């Protein structure tokens, strides 16, 4: 079930709503159906607050792209 974000054109109230099919919700503040669907950013699951970043090893060399990291090639 998708959750959409809306803004009411009548009272400028912003809200989220679970929508089934092509249903168009009413504003929960003024009950107007003059609403605009907003672009929203999807959420991503995290490991929680303060979690250490995943260790993917050294970053590739910026000069040649050597996967062993900066200073691994003869270009540095």
C-alpha atoms as a PDB file:
ATOM      1  CA  UNK A   1       0.000   0.000   0.000  1.00  0.00           C
ATOM      2  CA  UNK A   2       1.607   3.260  -1.047  1.00  0.00           C
ATOM      3  CA  UNK A   3       1.710   6.278   1.238  1.00  0.00           C
ATOM      4  CA  UNK A   4       1.444   9.558  -0.649  1.00  0.00           C
ATOM      5  CA  UNK A   5       2.154  13.114   0.452  1.00  0.00           C
ATOM      6  CA  UNK A   6      -0.352  15.847  -0.365  1.00  0.00           C
ATOM      7  CA  UNK A   7      -0.834  19.583   0.098  1.00  0.00           C
ATOM      8  CA  UNK A   8      -4.290  21.145   0.245  1.00  0.00           C
ATOM      9  CA  UNK A   9      -4.916  24.045  -2.161  1.00  0.00           C
ATOM     10  CA  UNK A  10      -7.586  25.487   0.150  1.00  0.00           C
ATOM     11  CA  UNK A  11      -5.795  25.624   3.522  1.00  0.00           C
ATOM     12  CA  UNK A  12      -2.174  24.734   2.575  1.00  0.00           C
ATOM     13  CA  UNK A  13      -2.180  21.805   5.030  1.00  0.00           C
ATOM     14  CA  UNK A  14       0.432  19.113   4.266  1.00  0.00           C
ATOM     15  CA  UNK A  15      -0.417  15.494   5.050  1.00  0.00           C
ATOM     16  CA  UNK A  16       0.340  11.872   4.219  1.00  0.00           C
ATOM     17  CA  UNK A  17      -2.286   9.294   3.373  1.00  0.00           C
ATOM     18  CA  UNK A  18      -2.410   5.606   2.492  1.00  0.00           C
ATOM     19  CA  UNK A  19      -4.284   5.446  -0.793  1.00  0.00           C
ATOM     20  CA  UNK A  20      -6.012   2.452  -2.337  1.00  0.00           C
ATOM     21  CA  UNK A  21      -6.188   2.415  -6.128  1.00  0.00           C
ATOM     22  CA  UNK A  22      -7.174   5.719  -7.731  1.00  0.00           C
ATOM     23  CA  UNK A  23      -8.915   7.095  -4.635  1.00  0.00           C
ATOM     24  CA  UNK A  24      -8.357  10.805  -3.994  1.00  0.00           C
ATOM     25  CA  UNK A  25      -8.351  11.662  -0.295  1.00  0.00           C
ATOM     26  CA  UNK A  26      -9.815  14.763   1.328  1.00  0.00           C
ATOM     27  CA  UNK A  27      -7.779  17.178   3.428  1.00  0.00           C
ATOM     28  CA  UNK A  28      -8.018  16.116   7.098  1.00  0.00           C
ATOM     29  CA  UNK A  29      -8.152  19.795   8.199  1.00  0.00           C
ATOM     30  CA  UNK A  30     -10.784  21.369   5.926  1.00  0.00           C
ATOM     31  CA  UNK A  31     -12.180  18.319   4.064  1.00  0.00           C
ATOM     32  CA  UNK A  32     -11.445  19.906   0.672  1.00  0.00           C
ATOM     33  CA  UNK A  33     -10.726  17.556  -2.223  1.00  0.00           C
ATOM     34  CA  UNK A  34      -8.653  20.240  -3.958  1.00  0.00           C
ATOM     35  CA  UNK A  35      -5.298  18.662  -3.178  1.00  0.00           C
ATOM     36  CA  UNK A  36      -2.020  18.233  -5.013  1.00  0.00           C
ATOM     37  CA  UNK A  37       0.096  15.099  -4.795  1.00  0.00           C
ATOM     38  CA  UNK A  38       3.681  15.924  -3.863  1.00  0.00           C
ATOM     39  CA  UNK A  39       6.915  14.309  -4.930  1.00  0.00           C
ATOM     40  CA  UNK A  40       8.313  12.458  -1.963  1.00  0.00           C
ATOM     41  CA  UNK A  41      11.568  10.781  -1.071  1.00  0.00           C
ATOM     42  CA  UNK A  42      11.434   7.126  -0.208  1.00  0.00           C
ATOM     43  CA  UNK A  43      12.809   5.931   3.099  1.00  0.00           C
ATOM     44  CA  UNK A  44      15.685   3.520   3.436  1.00  0.00           C
ATOM     45  CA  UNK A  45      16.254   1.183   6.339  1.00  0.00           C
ATOM     46  CA  UNK A  46      19.330   1.842   8.451  1.00  0.00           C
ATOM     47  CA  UNK A  47      21.067  -0.019  11.186  1.00  0.00           C
ATOM     48  CA  UNK A  48      20.081   2.586  13.713  1.00  0.00           C
ATOM     49  CA  UNK A  49      21.531   5.719  15.205  1.00  0.00           C
ATOM     50  CA  UNK A  50      25.278   5.678  15.704  1.00  0.00           C
ATOM     51  CA  UNK A  51      25.852   2.597  13.582  1.00  0.00           C
ATOM     52  CA  UNK A  52      29.287   2.385  11.998  1.00  0.00           C
ATOM     53  CA  UNK A  53      29.407   2.607   8.190  1.00  0.00           C
ATOM     54  CA  UNK A  54      29.953  -0.593   6.261  1.00  0.00           C
ATOM     55  CA  UNK A  55      33.604  -1.347   5.504  1.00  0.00           C
ATOM     56  CA  UNK A  56      34.014  -1.726   1.767  1.00  0.00           C
ATOM     57  CA  UNK A  57      37.834  -1.620   1.894  1.00  0.00           C
ATOM     58  CA  UNK A  58      40.008   1.146   0.523  1.00  0.00           C
ATOM     59  CA  UNK A  59      38.695   3.537  -2.089  1.00  0.00           C
ATOM     60  CA  UNK A  60      40.164   3.052  -5.575  1.00  0.00           C
ATOM     61  CA  UNK A  61      43.147   5.174  -6.596  1.00  0.00           C
ATOM     62  CA  UNK A  62      42.033   8.559  -7.927  1.00  0.00           C
ATOM     63  CA  UNK A  63      44.744   8.551 -10.596  1.00  0.00           C
ATOM     64  CA  UNK A  64      44.520   5.128 -12.182  1.00  0.00           C
ATOM     65  CA  UNK A  65      41.574   3.379 -10.503  1.00  0.00           C
ATOM     66  CA  UNK A  66      43.719   0.677  -8.849  1.00  0.00           C
ATOM     67  CA  UNK A  67      41.324  -1.123  -6.457  1.00  0.00           C
ATOM     68  CA  UNK A  68      44.081  -1.425  -3.802  1.00  0.00           C
ATOM     69  CA  UNK A  69      43.726   2.300  -3.095  1.00  0.00           C
ATOM     70  CA  UNK A  70      45.806   5.473  -3.372  1.00  0.00           C
ATOM     71  CA  UNK A  71      49.559   4.963  -3.445  1.00  0.00           C
ATOM     72  CA  UNK A  72      49.290   1.378  -4.720  1.00  0.00           C
ATOM     73  CA  UNK A  73      50.285   2.148  -8.274  1.00  0.00           C
ATOM     74  CA  UNK A  74      53.407   3.672  -9.815  1.00  0.00           C
ATOM     75  CA  UNK A  75      51.515   6.846 -10.772  1.00  0.00           C
ATOM     76  CA  UNK A  76      51.634   8.189  -7.159  1.00  0.00           C
END
